[in-house]
């Protein structure tokens, strides 16, 4: 009987220590999407990224911009690669899940319409493209694995606060 009680007490202590020390990640909500996109572009070390206008986002990308209060999409404009990233902040009352789904739909569209004979060496970037959220901000990336890791690190590091 004593052994059971002692085991129960030790288990409860271990659980309380585990949960008592855990930190929750909190994210800023005050950084303009354009400033964050500038930071990511600087991290990537390229001045070949051009910011896209709203007409590109609604036309070529087929995005429903009502989901976002801010956005900044950058596309490589001067090279022979498909490097691209976008940073979005969800609009008030819009769930991050719905906003991520909209961006995932765009990435799927890009992959479905990819012509294999057009720069086949770039297709892996598109196949491994992804979205990532941090609080009310979402970033999609179509980049090499190395650049994707650097871009996502910058995105998270600038938005993360100690909670």
C-alpha atoms as a PDB file:
ATOM      1  CA  UNK A   1       0.000   0.000   0.000  1.00  0.00           C
ATOM      2  CA  UNK A   2       2.784   2.404   0.924  1.00  0.00           C
ATOM      3  CA  UNK A   3       4.541   1.611  -2.341  1.00  0.00           C
ATOM      4  CA  UNK A   4       1.396   2.548  -4.341  1.00  0.00           C
ATOM      5  CA  UNK A   5       0.939   5.832  -2.508  1.00  0.00           C
ATOM      6  CA  UNK A   6       4.616   6.696  -2.891  1.00  0.00           C
ATOM      7  CA  UNK A   7       4.474   5.831  -6.606  1.00  0.00           C
ATOM      8  CA  UNK A   8       1.379   7.998  -7.044  1.00  0.00           C
ATOM      9  CA  UNK A   9       3.007  10.941  -5.255  1.00  0.00           C
ATOM     10  CA  UNK A  10       6.157  10.634  -7.369  1.00  0.00           C
ATOM     11  CA  UNK A  11       4.110  10.476 -10.569  1.00  0.00           C
ATOM     12  CA  UNK A  12       2.137  13.583  -9.583  1.00  0.00           C
ATOM     13  CA  UNK A  13       5.342  15.462  -8.735  1.00  0.00           C
ATOM     14  CA  UNK A  14       6.873  14.516 -12.068  1.00  0.00           C
ATOM     15  CA  UNK A  15       3.776  15.664 -13.972  1.00  0.00           C
ATOM     16  CA  UNK A  16       3.543  18.950 -12.099  1.00  0.00           C
ATOM     17  CA  UNK A  17       7.231  19.625 -12.743  1.00  0.00           C
ATOM     18  CA  UNK A  18       6.776  18.840 -16.413  1.00  0.00           C
ATOM     19  CA  UNK A  19       3.782  21.127 -16.875  1.00  0.00           C
ATOM     20  CA  UNK A  20       4.927  23.804 -14.450  1.00  0.00           C
ATOM     21  CA  UNK A  21       8.117  24.474 -16.387  1.00  0.00           C
ATOM     22  CA  UNK A  22       6.619  24.586 -19.837  1.00  0.00           C
ATOM     23  CA  UNK A  23       6.466  27.964 -21.545  1.00  0.00           C
ATOM     24  CA  UNK A  24       3.821  28.924 -24.009  1.00  0.00           C
ATOM     25  CA  UNK A  25       4.960  30.652 -27.141  1.00  0.00           C
ATOM     26  CA  UNK A  26       3.418  34.035 -27.721  1.00  0.00           C
ATOM     27  CA  UNK A  27       3.764  36.165 -30.810  1.00  0.00           C
ATOM     28  CA  UNK A  28       3.822  39.869 -31.527  1.00  0.00           C
ATOM     29  CA  UNK A  29       0.863  41.381 -33.313  1.00  0.00           C
ATOM     30  CA  UNK A  30       2.328  44.796 -34.137  1.00  0.00           C
ATOM     31  CA  UNK A  31       4.904  44.177 -36.853  1.00  0.00           C
ATOM     32  CA  UNK A  32       3.837  45.331 -40.330  1.00  0.00           C
ATOM     33  CA  UNK A  33       3.940  42.535 -42.911  1.00  0.00           C
ATOM     34  CA  UNK A  34       6.131  44.674 -45.167  1.00  0.00           C
ATOM     35  CA  UNK A  35       8.725  45.176 -42.419  1.00  0.00           C
ATOM     36  CA  UNK A  36       8.779  41.447 -41.756  1.00  0.00           C
ATOM     37  CA  UNK A  37       9.134  40.728 -45.492  1.00  0.00           C
ATOM     38  CA  UNK A  38      12.068  43.179 -45.635  1.00  0.00           C
ATOM     39  CA  UNK A  39      13.749  41.307 -42.767  1.00  0.00           C
ATOM     40  CA  UNK A  40      13.266  37.966 -44.524  1.00  0.00           C
ATOM     41  CA  UNK A  41      14.577  39.337 -47.837  1.00  0.00           C
ATOM     42  CA  UNK A  42      17.636  40.708 -46.010  1.00  0.00           C
ATOM     43  CA  UNK A  43      18.192  37.296 -44.420  1.00  0.00           C
ATOM     44  CA  UNK A  44      18.116  35.674 -47.843  1.00  0.00           C
ATOM     45  CA  UNK A  45      20.742  38.164 -48.993  1.00  0.00           C
ATOM     46  CA  UNK A  46      19.123  38.915 -52.298  1.00  0.00           C
ATOM     47  CA  UNK A  47      17.942  42.176 -53.769  1.00  0.00           C
ATOM     48  CA  UNK A  48      16.212  40.375 -56.626  1.00  0.00           C
ATOM     49  CA  UNK A  49      12.891  40.043 -54.796  1.00  0.00           C
ATOM     50  CA  UNK A  50      10.140  42.318 -56.072  1.00  0.00           C
ATOM     51  CA  UNK A  51       6.984  43.084 -54.102  1.00  0.00           C
ATOM     52  CA  UNK A  52       3.812  42.105 -55.915  1.00  0.00           C
ATOM     53  CA  UNK A  53       0.808  44.396 -56.238  1.00  0.00           C
ATOM     54  CA  UNK A  54      -2.708  43.575 -55.095  1.00  0.00           C
ATOM     55  CA  UNK A  55      -3.807  42.855 -58.673  1.00  0.00           C
ATOM     56  CA  UNK A  56      -1.208  40.062 -58.870  1.00  0.00           C
ATOM     57  CA  UNK A  57      -2.433  38.525 -55.614  1.00  0.00           C
ATOM     58  CA  UNK A  58      -6.081  38.502 -56.703  1.00  0.00           C
ATOM     59  CA  UNK A  59      -5.396  37.687 -60.363  1.00  0.00           C
ATOM     60  CA  UNK A  60      -2.450  35.337 -60.777  1.00  0.00           C
ATOM     61  CA  UNK A  61      -2.518  33.963 -57.226  1.00  0.00           C
ATOM     62  CA  UNK A  62      -6.336  33.892 -56.993  1.00  0.00           C
ATOM     63  CA  UNK A  63      -6.260  34.888 -53.307  1.00  0.00           C
ATOM     64  CA  UNK A  64      -9.267  36.135 -51.375  1.00  0.00           C
ATOM     65  CA  UNK A  65      -7.676  39.158 -49.724  1.00  0.00           C
ATOM     66  CA  UNK A  66     -10.643  39.706 -47.395  1.00  0.00           C
ATOM     67  CA  UNK A  67      -8.949  37.111 -45.172  1.00  0.00           C
ATOM     68  CA  UNK A  68      -5.915  39.314 -44.613  1.00  0.00           C
ATOM     69  CA  UNK A  69      -5.413  42.734 -43.066  1.00  0.00           C
ATOM     70  CA  UNK A  70      -1.832  42.991 -44.357  1.00  0.00           C
ATOM     71  CA  UNK A  71       0.300  41.125 -46.832  1.00  0.00           C
ATOM     72  CA  UNK A  72       3.548  41.309 -48.725  1.00  0.00           C
ATOM     73  CA  UNK A  73       4.462  38.826 -51.458  1.00  0.00           C
ATOM     74  CA  UNK A  74       7.988  38.804 -52.876  1.00  0.00           C
ATOM     75  CA  UNK A  75       8.947  37.037 -56.086  1.00  0.00           C
ATOM     76  CA  UNK A  76      12.371  36.694 -57.670  1.00  0.00           C
ATOM     77  CA  UNK A  77      12.264  39.148 -60.538  1.00  0.00           C
ATOM     78  CA  UNK A  78      15.835  38.957 -61.836  1.00  0.00           C
ATOM     79  CA  UNK A  79      16.939  35.366 -61.972  1.00  0.00           C
ATOM     80  CA  UNK A  80      16.336  31.932 -63.316  1.00  0.00           C
ATOM     81  CA  UNK A  81      14.647  30.509 -60.255  1.00  0.00           C
ATOM     82  CA  UNK A  82      11.162  30.434 -58.765  1.00  0.00           C
ATOM     83  CA  UNK A  83      12.087  31.756 -55.325  1.00  0.00           C
ATOM     84  CA  UNK A  84       9.053  33.299 -53.693  1.00  0.00           C
ATOM     85  CA  UNK A  85       7.647  34.007 -50.264  1.00  0.00           C
ATOM     86  CA  UNK A  86       4.679  35.814 -48.837  1.00  0.00           C
ATOM     87  CA  UNK A  87       3.828  37.148 -45.405  1.00  0.00           C
ATOM     88  CA  UNK A  88       0.229  37.697 -44.390  1.00  0.00           C
ATOM     89  CA  UNK A  89      -1.547  38.900 -41.270  1.00  0.00           C
ATOM     90  CA  UNK A  90      -5.049  37.597 -40.730  1.00  0.00           C
ATOM     91  CA  UNK A  91      -7.906  40.084 -40.683  1.00  0.00           C
ATOM     92  CA  UNK A  92      -9.953  40.544 -37.518  1.00  0.00           C
ATOM     93  CA  UNK A  93     -12.395  37.684 -37.068  1.00  0.00           C
ATOM     94  CA  UNK A  94     -10.628  35.401 -39.549  1.00  0.00           C
ATOM     95  CA  UNK A  95      -9.199  32.160 -38.231  1.00  0.00           C
ATOM     96  CA  UNK A  96      -5.574  31.374 -38.950  1.00  0.00           C
ATOM     97  CA  UNK A  97      -6.721  27.943 -40.113  1.00  0.00           C
ATOM     98  CA  UNK A  98      -8.907  29.479 -42.858  1.00  0.00           C
ATOM     99  CA  UNK A  99      -6.135  31.845 -43.930  1.00  0.00           C
ATOM    100  CA  UNK A 100      -3.586  29.009 -44.076  1.00  0.00           C
ATOM    101  CA  UNK A 101      -6.036  26.977 -46.176  1.00  0.00           C
ATOM    102  CA  UNK A 102      -6.260  29.857 -48.668  1.00  0.00           C
ATOM    103  CA  UNK A 103      -2.473  29.981 -49.023  1.00  0.00           C
ATOM    104  CA  UNK A 104      -2.204  26.189 -49.223  1.00  0.00           C
ATOM    105  CA  UNK A 105      -4.740  26.333 -52.047  1.00  0.00           C
ATOM    106  CA  UNK A 106      -2.422  28.718 -53.902  1.00  0.00           C
ATOM    107  CA  UNK A 107       0.579  26.425 -53.409  1.00  0.00           C
ATOM    108  CA  UNK A 108      -1.449  23.463 -54.694  1.00  0.00           C
ATOM    109  CA  UNK A 109      -2.535  25.517 -57.701  1.00  0.00           C
ATOM    110  CA  UNK A 110       1.101  26.377 -58.469  1.00  0.00           C
ATOM    111  CA  UNK A 111       2.136  22.728 -58.316  1.00  0.00           C
ATOM    112  CA  UNK A 112      -0.834  21.496 -60.376  1.00  0.00           C
ATOM    113  CA  UNK A 113      -0.112  23.991 -63.155  1.00  0.00           C
ATOM    114  CA  UNK A 114       3.661  23.488 -63.168  1.00  0.00           C
ATOM    115  CA  UNK A 115       5.053  22.519 -66.566  1.00  0.00           C
ATOM    116  CA  UNK A 116       7.704  19.851 -65.996  1.00  0.00           C
ATOM    117  CA  UNK A 117       9.727  20.930 -69.029  1.00  0.00           C
ATOM    118  CA  UNK A 118      10.043  24.446 -67.571  1.00  0.00           C
ATOM    119  CA  UNK A 119      13.062  24.594 -65.259  1.00  0.00           C
ATOM    120  CA  UNK A 120      12.789  21.010 -63.943  1.00  0.00           C
ATOM    121  CA  UNK A 121      15.555  21.714 -61.407  1.00  0.00           C
ATOM    122  CA  UNK A 122      13.235  24.206 -59.671  1.00  0.00           C
ATOM    123  CA  UNK A 123      10.273  21.857 -59.215  1.00  0.00           C
ATOM    124  CA  UNK A 124      11.533  20.409 -55.886  1.00  0.00           C
ATOM    125  CA  UNK A 125      11.175  23.878 -54.333  1.00  0.00           C
ATOM    126  CA  UNK A 126       7.536  23.894 -55.335  1.00  0.00           C
ATOM    127  CA  UNK A 127       6.970  20.317 -54.209  1.00  0.00           C
ATOM    128  CA  UNK A 128       8.380  21.189 -50.785  1.00  0.00           C
ATOM    129  CA  UNK A 129       6.709  24.594 -50.516  1.00  0.00           C
ATOM    130  CA  UNK A 130       4.916  25.146 -47.235  1.00  0.00           C
ATOM    131  CA  UNK A 131       2.993  27.527 -45.052  1.00  0.00           C
ATOM    132  CA  UNK A 132       3.901  28.347 -41.481  1.00  0.00           C
ATOM    133  CA  UNK A 133       1.956  30.356 -38.918  1.00  0.00           C
ATOM    134  CA  UNK A 134       3.089  32.351 -35.901  1.00  0.00           C
ATOM    135  CA  UNK A 135       0.217  33.949 -34.042  1.00  0.00           C
ATOM    136  CA  UNK A 136      -1.845  35.936 -36.554  1.00  0.00           C
ATOM    137  CA  UNK A 137       0.908  35.907 -39.164  1.00  0.00           C
ATOM    138  CA  UNK A 138       1.351  33.334 -41.905  1.00  0.00           C
ATOM    139  CA  UNK A 139       4.260  32.843 -44.236  1.00  0.00           C
ATOM    140  CA  UNK A 140       4.442  30.685 -47.324  1.00  0.00           C
ATOM    141  CA  UNK A 141       7.780  29.802 -48.857  1.00  0.00           C
ATOM    142  CA  UNK A 142       8.871  28.472 -52.224  1.00  0.00           C
ATOM    143  CA  UNK A 143      12.603  28.337 -51.593  1.00  0.00           C
ATOM    144  CA  UNK A 144      15.524  25.927 -51.396  1.00  0.00           C
ATOM    145  CA  UNK A 145      15.693  23.957 -48.151  1.00  0.00           C
ATOM    146  CA  UNK A 146      18.553  26.125 -46.871  1.00  0.00           C
ATOM    147  CA  UNK A 147      16.810  29.402 -47.693  1.00  0.00           C
ATOM    148  CA  UNK A 148      13.498  28.105 -46.385  1.00  0.00           C
ATOM    149  CA  UNK A 149      15.071  27.311 -43.017  1.00  0.00           C
ATOM    150  CA  UNK A 150      16.685  30.760 -42.835  1.00  0.00           C
ATOM    151  CA  UNK A 151      13.482  32.548 -43.854  1.00  0.00           C
ATOM    152  CA  UNK A 152      11.321  30.660 -41.354  1.00  0.00           C
ATOM    153  CA  UNK A 153      13.857  31.263 -38.582  1.00  0.00           C
ATOM    154  CA  UNK A 154      13.772  35.010 -39.243  1.00  0.00           C
ATOM    155  CA  UNK A 155       9.961  34.952 -39.412  1.00  0.00           C
ATOM    156  CA  UNK A 156       9.696  33.173 -36.063  1.00  0.00           C
ATOM    157  CA  UNK A 157      12.506  35.023 -34.307  1.00  0.00           C
ATOM    158  CA  UNK A 158      11.071  38.468 -35.023  1.00  0.00           C
ATOM    159  CA  UNK A 159       7.529  37.514 -34.052  1.00  0.00           C
ATOM    160  CA  UNK A 160       8.206  35.392 -30.982  1.00  0.00           C
ATOM    161  CA  UNK A 161       7.945  36.914 -27.510  1.00  0.00           C
ATOM    162  CA  UNK A 162       8.612  35.277 -24.162  1.00  0.00           C
ATOM    163  CA  UNK A 163       5.400  33.998 -22.660  1.00  0.00           C
END
